[in-house]
């Protein structure tokens, strides 16, 4: 089970990197960021697929997307100066609360 969470952490990290370079690719007009994006997303989904061997898809996806949203928002603010407004921050907080509730209280599968 621990290995599945390691795979999930790798998938999340790769997704964050890939999404950051997706922005830097400028609609795939810049070669290096575009290549990093494509290879990164391929690796992301590979590691996410390994995760799904033991972690239910709903749980894995909730963690993957929730953590990714938080980190991409931080990167967007710091690197791209895209500062979220209050409604965006509230929405992100609600997503985070949802991920925590799923992980602490859900009886869905073993996790």
N, C-alpha and C. Protein backbone atom coordinates (compact mmCIF):
# COMPACT_ATOMS: atom_id res chain seq x y z
N UNK A 1 0.82 -1.20 0.00
CA UNK A 1 0.00 0.00 0.00
C UNK A 1 0.87 1.27 0.00
N UNK A 2 1.96 1.23 0.78
CA UNK A 2 2.85 2.39 0.83
C UNK A 2 3.39 2.70 -0.56
N UNK A 3 3.74 1.66 -1.31
CA UNK A 3 4.27 1.85 -2.66
C UNK A 3 3.25 2.60 -3.53
N UNK A 4 1.97 2.30 -3.38
CA UNK A 4 0.95 2.98 -4.17
C UNK A 4 0.90 4.47 -3.85
N UNK A 5 1.09 4.81 -2.58
CA UNK A 5 1.11 6.23 -2.22
C UNK A 5 2.38 6.92 -2.72
N UNK A 6 3.47 6.19 -2.78
CA UNK A 6 4.69 6.75 -3.38
C UNK A 6 4.46 7.02 -4.87
N UNK A 7 3.83 6.07 -5.56
CA UNK A 7 3.49 6.27 -6.96
C UNK A 7 2.58 7.48 -7.12
N UNK A 8 1.64 7.64 -6.20
CA UNK A 8 0.71 8.77 -6.27
C UNK A 8 1.46 10.09 -6.07
N UNK A 9 2.39 10.13 -5.15
CA UNK A 9 3.20 11.34 -4.94
C UNK A 9 4.00 11.66 -6.19
N UNK A 10 4.56 10.64 -6.82
CA UNK A 10 5.31 10.85 -8.07
C UNK A 10 4.38 11.38 -9.15
N UNK A 11 3.18 10.80 -9.27
CA UNK A 11 2.22 11.25 -10.28
C UNK A 11 1.82 12.70 -10.05
N UNK A 12 1.59 13.06 -8.80
CA UNK A 12 1.21 14.44 -8.47
C UNK A 12 2.35 15.39 -8.81
N UNK A 13 3.56 15.03 -8.45
CA UNK A 13 4.72 15.88 -8.72
C UNK A 13 4.89 16.08 -10.22
N UNK A 14 4.79 15.00 -10.98
CA UNK A 14 4.93 15.10 -12.43
C UNK A 14 3.81 15.93 -13.06
N UNK A 15 2.61 15.80 -12.51
CA UNK A 15 1.47 16.58 -13.03
C UNK A 15 1.69 18.07 -12.76
N UNK A 16 2.20 18.40 -11.61
CA UNK A 16 2.47 19.80 -11.28
C UNK A 16 3.54 20.37 -12.22
N UNK A 17 4.59 19.61 -12.44
CA UNK A 17 5.65 20.04 -13.36
C UNK A 17 5.09 20.19 -14.77
N UNK A 18 4.33 19.20 -15.21
CA UNK A 18 3.77 19.22 -16.56
C UNK A 18 2.83 20.39 -16.77
N UNK A 19 1.99 20.66 -15.80
CA UNK A 19 1.05 21.77 -15.93
C UNK A 19 1.78 23.12 -15.93
N UNK A 20 2.81 23.23 -15.13
CA UNK A 20 3.61 24.46 -15.13
C UNK A 20 4.25 24.68 -16.50
N UNK A 21 4.80 23.62 -17.07
CA UNK A 21 5.42 23.75 -18.39
C UNK A 21 4.39 23.89 -19.50
N UNK A 22 3.16 23.44 -19.27
CA UNK A 22 2.10 23.66 -20.25
C UNK A 22 1.88 25.17 -20.42
N UNK A 23 1.86 25.87 -19.31
CA UNK A 23 1.74 27.33 -19.37
C UNK A 23 2.95 27.93 -20.08
N UNK A 24 4.15 27.44 -19.74
CA UNK A 24 5.38 27.97 -20.34
C UNK A 24 5.51 27.62 -21.83
N UNK A 25 4.78 26.60 -22.28
CA UNK A 25 4.87 26.20 -23.69
C UNK A 25 4.22 27.20 -24.63
N UNK A 26 3.42 28.09 -24.07
CA UNK A 26 2.71 29.10 -24.87
C UNK A 26 1.97 28.46 -26.04
N UNK A 27 1.00 27.63 -25.68
CA UNK A 27 0.16 26.89 -26.64
C UNK A 27 0.99 26.01 -27.58
N UNK A 28 2.00 25.38 -27.01
CA UNK A 28 2.89 24.46 -27.73
C UNK A 28 3.69 25.14 -28.84
N UNK A 29 4.00 26.41 -28.65
CA UNK A 29 4.83 27.12 -29.63
C UNK A 29 6.30 27.14 -29.21
N UNK A 30 6.60 26.74 -27.98
CA UNK A 30 7.98 26.67 -27.49
C UNK A 30 8.35 25.20 -27.35
N UNK A 31 9.41 24.78 -28.03
CA UNK A 31 9.75 23.36 -28.14
C UNK A 31 10.05 22.70 -26.79
N UNK A 32 11.00 23.20 -26.05
CA UNK A 32 11.43 22.52 -24.82
C UNK A 32 10.30 22.42 -23.80
N UNK A 33 9.59 23.52 -23.49
CA UNK A 33 8.47 23.37 -22.55
C UNK A 33 7.38 22.42 -23.07
N UNK A 34 7.18 22.41 -24.39
CA UNK A 34 6.18 21.50 -24.98
C UNK A 34 6.58 20.04 -24.80
N UNK A 35 7.85 19.73 -25.03
CA UNK A 35 8.35 18.36 -24.87
C UNK A 35 8.25 17.94 -23.41
N UNK A 36 8.64 18.82 -22.50
CA UNK A 36 8.55 18.51 -21.06
C UNK A 36 7.09 18.24 -20.68
N UNK A 37 6.19 19.05 -21.21
CA UNK A 37 4.76 18.87 -20.92
C UNK A 37 4.27 17.51 -21.39
N UNK A 38 4.55 17.15 -22.61
CA UNK A 38 4.05 15.89 -23.19
C UNK A 38 4.64 14.68 -22.47
N UNK A 39 5.95 14.68 -22.30
CA UNK A 39 6.59 13.55 -21.61
C UNK A 39 6.14 13.50 -20.15
N UNK A 40 6.03 14.66 -19.54
CA UNK A 40 5.60 14.72 -18.14
C UNK A 40 4.20 14.17 -17.93
N UNK A 41 3.27 14.53 -18.80
CA UNK A 41 1.91 14.00 -18.66
C UNK A 41 1.86 12.50 -18.93
N UNK A 42 2.66 12.03 -19.87
CA UNK A 42 2.70 10.58 -20.12
C UNK A 42 3.18 9.85 -18.86
N UNK A 43 4.23 10.36 -18.26
CA UNK A 43 4.76 9.75 -17.03
C UNK A 43 3.76 9.89 -15.88
N UNK A 44 3.08 11.03 -15.82
CA UNK A 44 2.07 11.25 -14.79
C UNK A 44 1.02 10.15 -14.83
N UNK A 45 0.47 9.91 -16.00
CA UNK A 45 -0.60 8.92 -16.11
C UNK A 45 -0.09 7.50 -15.91
N UNK A 46 1.16 7.25 -16.26
CA UNK A 46 1.74 5.94 -15.98
C UNK A 46 1.77 5.69 -14.47
N UNK A 47 2.30 6.66 -13.72
CA UNK A 47 2.38 6.48 -12.27
C UNK A 47 1.01 6.49 -11.62
N UNK A 48 0.09 7.27 -12.16
CA UNK A 48 -1.28 7.23 -11.64
C UNK A 48 -1.90 5.86 -11.87
N UNK A 49 -1.61 5.25 -13.01
CA UNK A 49 -2.14 3.91 -13.28
C UNK A 49 -1.56 2.88 -12.31
N UNK A 50 -0.30 3.03 -11.93
CA UNK A 50 0.29 2.13 -10.93
C UNK A 50 -0.40 2.30 -9.58
N UNK A 51 -0.74 3.53 -9.27
CA UNK A 51 -1.44 3.83 -8.02
C UNK A 51 -2.76 3.08 -7.93
N UNK A 52 -3.44 2.98 -9.07
CA UNK A 52 -4.79 2.41 -9.08
C UNK A 52 -4.82 0.91 -8.88
N UNK A 53 -3.66 0.27 -8.77
CA UNK A 53 -3.63 -1.15 -8.46
C UNK A 53 -4.18 -1.41 -7.06
N UNK A 54 -3.96 -0.48 -6.13
CA UNK A 54 -4.37 -0.70 -4.74
C UNK A 54 -5.26 0.39 -4.16
N UNK A 55 -5.20 1.58 -4.72
CA UNK A 55 -6.01 2.67 -4.19
C UNK A 55 -7.22 2.85 -5.11
N UNK A 56 -8.44 2.91 -4.56
CA UNK A 56 -9.62 3.10 -5.40
C UNK A 56 -9.50 4.37 -6.24
N UNK A 57 -10.00 4.31 -7.45
CA UNK A 57 -9.84 5.40 -8.41
C UNK A 57 -10.40 6.71 -7.86
N UNK A 58 -11.52 6.69 -7.18
CA UNK A 58 -12.10 7.92 -6.64
C UNK A 58 -11.22 8.56 -5.59
N UNK A 59 -10.63 7.75 -4.74
CA UNK A 59 -9.74 8.25 -3.69
C UNK A 59 -8.46 8.81 -4.33
N UNK A 60 -7.86 8.03 -5.21
CA UNK A 60 -6.61 8.46 -5.86
C UNK A 60 -6.82 9.76 -6.63
N UNK A 61 -7.92 9.83 -7.36
CA UNK A 61 -8.16 11.02 -8.17
C UNK A 61 -8.44 12.24 -7.31
N UNK A 62 -9.16 12.04 -6.21
CA UNK A 62 -9.43 13.16 -5.30
C UNK A 62 -8.13 13.72 -4.74
N UNK A 63 -7.24 12.84 -4.31
CA UNK A 63 -5.96 13.29 -3.77
C UNK A 63 -5.13 13.95 -4.87
N UNK A 64 -5.03 13.28 -6.01
CA UNK A 64 -4.23 13.77 -7.13
C UNK A 64 -4.69 15.15 -7.59
N UNK A 65 -5.97 15.29 -7.81
CA UNK A 65 -6.47 16.58 -8.30
C UNK A 65 -6.45 17.65 -7.21
N UNK A 66 -6.81 17.29 -5.99
CA UNK A 66 -6.83 18.27 -4.91
C UNK A 66 -5.46 18.84 -4.61
N UNK A 67 -4.48 17.97 -4.46
CA UNK A 67 -3.11 18.44 -4.18
C UNK A 67 -2.57 19.21 -5.38
N UNK A 68 -2.86 18.72 -6.58
CA UNK A 68 -2.41 19.41 -7.78
C UNK A 68 -2.98 20.82 -7.88
N UNK A 69 -4.26 20.98 -7.59
CA UNK A 69 -4.89 22.30 -7.65
C UNK A 69 -4.22 23.27 -6.68
N UNK A 70 -3.95 22.80 -5.49
CA UNK A 70 -3.33 23.67 -4.49
C UNK A 70 -1.94 24.12 -4.94
N UNK A 71 -1.12 23.17 -5.36
CA UNK A 71 0.25 23.52 -5.76
C UNK A 71 0.28 24.35 -7.03
N UNK A 72 -0.58 24.05 -8.00
CA UNK A 72 -0.61 24.84 -9.23
C UNK A 72 -1.08 26.25 -8.94
N UNK A 73 -2.00 26.41 -8.01
CA UNK A 73 -2.43 27.75 -7.62
C UNK A 73 -1.28 28.54 -7.01
N UNK A 74 -0.51 27.88 -6.16
CA UNK A 74 0.66 28.53 -5.55
C UNK A 74 1.68 28.89 -6.62
N UNK A 75 1.97 27.97 -7.52
CA UNK A 75 2.93 28.23 -8.60
C UNK A 75 2.41 29.35 -9.50
N UNK A 76 1.12 29.31 -9.81
CA UNK A 76 0.53 30.37 -10.62
C UNK A 76 0.71 31.74 -9.99
N UNK A 77 0.52 31.81 -8.68
CA UNK A 77 0.67 33.08 -7.97
C UNK A 77 2.12 33.54 -7.93
N UNK A 78 3.03 32.62 -7.62
CA UNK A 78 4.44 32.99 -7.44
C UNK A 78 5.15 33.19 -8.77
N UNK A 79 4.99 32.24 -9.68
CA UNK A 79 5.76 32.27 -10.93
C UNK A 79 5.09 33.15 -11.99
N UNK A 80 3.77 33.03 -12.13
CA UNK A 80 3.06 33.72 -13.22
C UNK A 80 2.29 34.95 -12.75
N UNK A 81 2.38 35.27 -11.46
CA UNK A 81 1.70 36.45 -10.89
C UNK A 81 0.19 36.41 -11.09
N UNK A 82 -0.38 35.19 -11.06
CA UNK A 82 -1.82 35.01 -11.20
C UNK A 82 -2.40 34.82 -9.79
N UNK A 83 -2.70 35.92 -9.14
CA UNK A 83 -3.14 35.90 -7.75
C UNK A 83 -4.63 35.56 -7.70
N UNK A 84 -5.00 34.47 -6.99
CA UNK A 84 -6.42 34.11 -6.90
C UNK A 84 -7.18 35.10 -6.02
N UNK A 85 -8.43 35.37 -6.41
CA UNK A 85 -9.27 36.25 -5.59
C UNK A 85 -9.94 35.43 -4.49
N UNK A 86 -10.71 36.09 -3.65
CA UNK A 86 -11.33 35.43 -2.50
C UNK A 86 -12.23 34.25 -2.90
N UNK A 87 -13.12 34.39 -3.90
CA UNK A 87 -13.93 33.22 -4.27
C UNK A 87 -13.10 32.03 -4.72
N UNK A 88 -11.99 32.28 -5.44
CA UNK A 88 -11.12 31.19 -5.86
C UNK A 88 -10.48 30.52 -4.65
N UNK A 89 -10.03 31.31 -3.70
CA UNK A 89 -9.41 30.75 -2.49
C UNK A 89 -10.42 29.94 -1.69
N UNK A 90 -11.65 30.42 -1.60
CA UNK A 90 -12.69 29.67 -0.88
C UNK A 90 -12.96 28.34 -1.59
N UNK A 91 -13.05 28.37 -2.90
CA UNK A 91 -13.27 27.14 -3.67
C UNK A 91 -12.14 26.14 -3.47
N UNK A 92 -10.90 26.62 -3.49
CA UNK A 92 -9.75 25.74 -3.29
C UNK A 92 -9.78 25.16 -1.87
N UNK A 93 -10.13 25.98 -0.89
CA UNK A 93 -10.25 25.51 0.48
C UNK A 93 -11.31 24.41 0.59
N UNK A 94 -12.42 24.58 -0.09
CA UNK A 94 -13.47 23.56 -0.06
C UNK A 94 -13.00 22.25 -0.69
N UNK A 95 -12.23 22.36 -1.76
CA UNK A 95 -11.66 21.16 -2.38
C UNK A 95 -10.73 20.46 -1.39
N UNK A 96 -9.87 21.22 -0.74
CA UNK A 96 -8.95 20.66 0.25
C UNK A 96 -9.72 19.98 1.39
N UNK A 97 -10.76 20.62 1.87
CA UNK A 97 -11.59 20.04 2.93
C UNK A 97 -12.20 18.72 2.45
N UNK A 98 -12.66 18.70 1.21
CA UNK A 98 -13.24 17.48 0.65
C UNK A 98 -12.24 16.34 0.59
N UNK A 99 -11.02 16.63 0.18
CA UNK A 99 -9.99 15.59 0.12
C UNK A 99 -9.68 15.07 1.51
N UNK A 100 -9.60 15.96 2.49
CA UNK A 100 -9.34 15.53 3.87
C UNK A 100 -10.48 14.66 4.39
N UNK A 101 -11.72 15.06 4.15
CA UNK A 101 -12.88 14.28 4.60
C UNK A 101 -12.87 12.88 3.98
N UNK A 102 -12.60 12.82 2.68
CA UNK A 102 -12.55 11.52 2.00
C UNK A 102 -11.50 10.61 2.65
N UNK A 103 -10.32 11.16 2.91
CA UNK A 103 -9.24 10.35 3.44
C UNK A 103 -9.43 9.97 4.90
N UNK A 104 -10.07 10.81 5.67
CA UNK A 104 -10.25 10.51 7.09
C UNK A 104 -11.47 9.67 7.38
N UNK A 105 -12.54 9.86 6.61
CA UNK A 105 -13.83 9.26 7.00
C UNK A 105 -14.41 8.26 6.01
N UNK A 106 -13.90 8.20 4.79
CA UNK A 106 -14.49 7.32 3.79
C UNK A 106 -14.19 5.86 4.11
N UNK A 107 -15.16 5.04 3.90
CA UNK A 107 -14.98 3.58 4.05
C UNK A 107 -14.78 2.91 2.68
N UNK A 108 -14.56 3.72 1.67
CA UNK A 108 -14.43 3.23 0.29
C UNK A 108 -13.09 2.55 0.12
N UNK A 109 -13.08 1.27 0.04
CA UNK A 109 -11.85 0.52 -0.19
C UNK A 109 -10.86 0.66 0.96
N UNK A 110 -9.70 0.11 0.77
CA UNK A 110 -8.66 0.24 1.78
C UNK A 110 -7.73 1.37 1.39
N UNK A 111 -7.50 2.27 2.31
CA UNK A 111 -6.58 3.39 2.06
C UNK A 111 -5.99 3.89 3.34
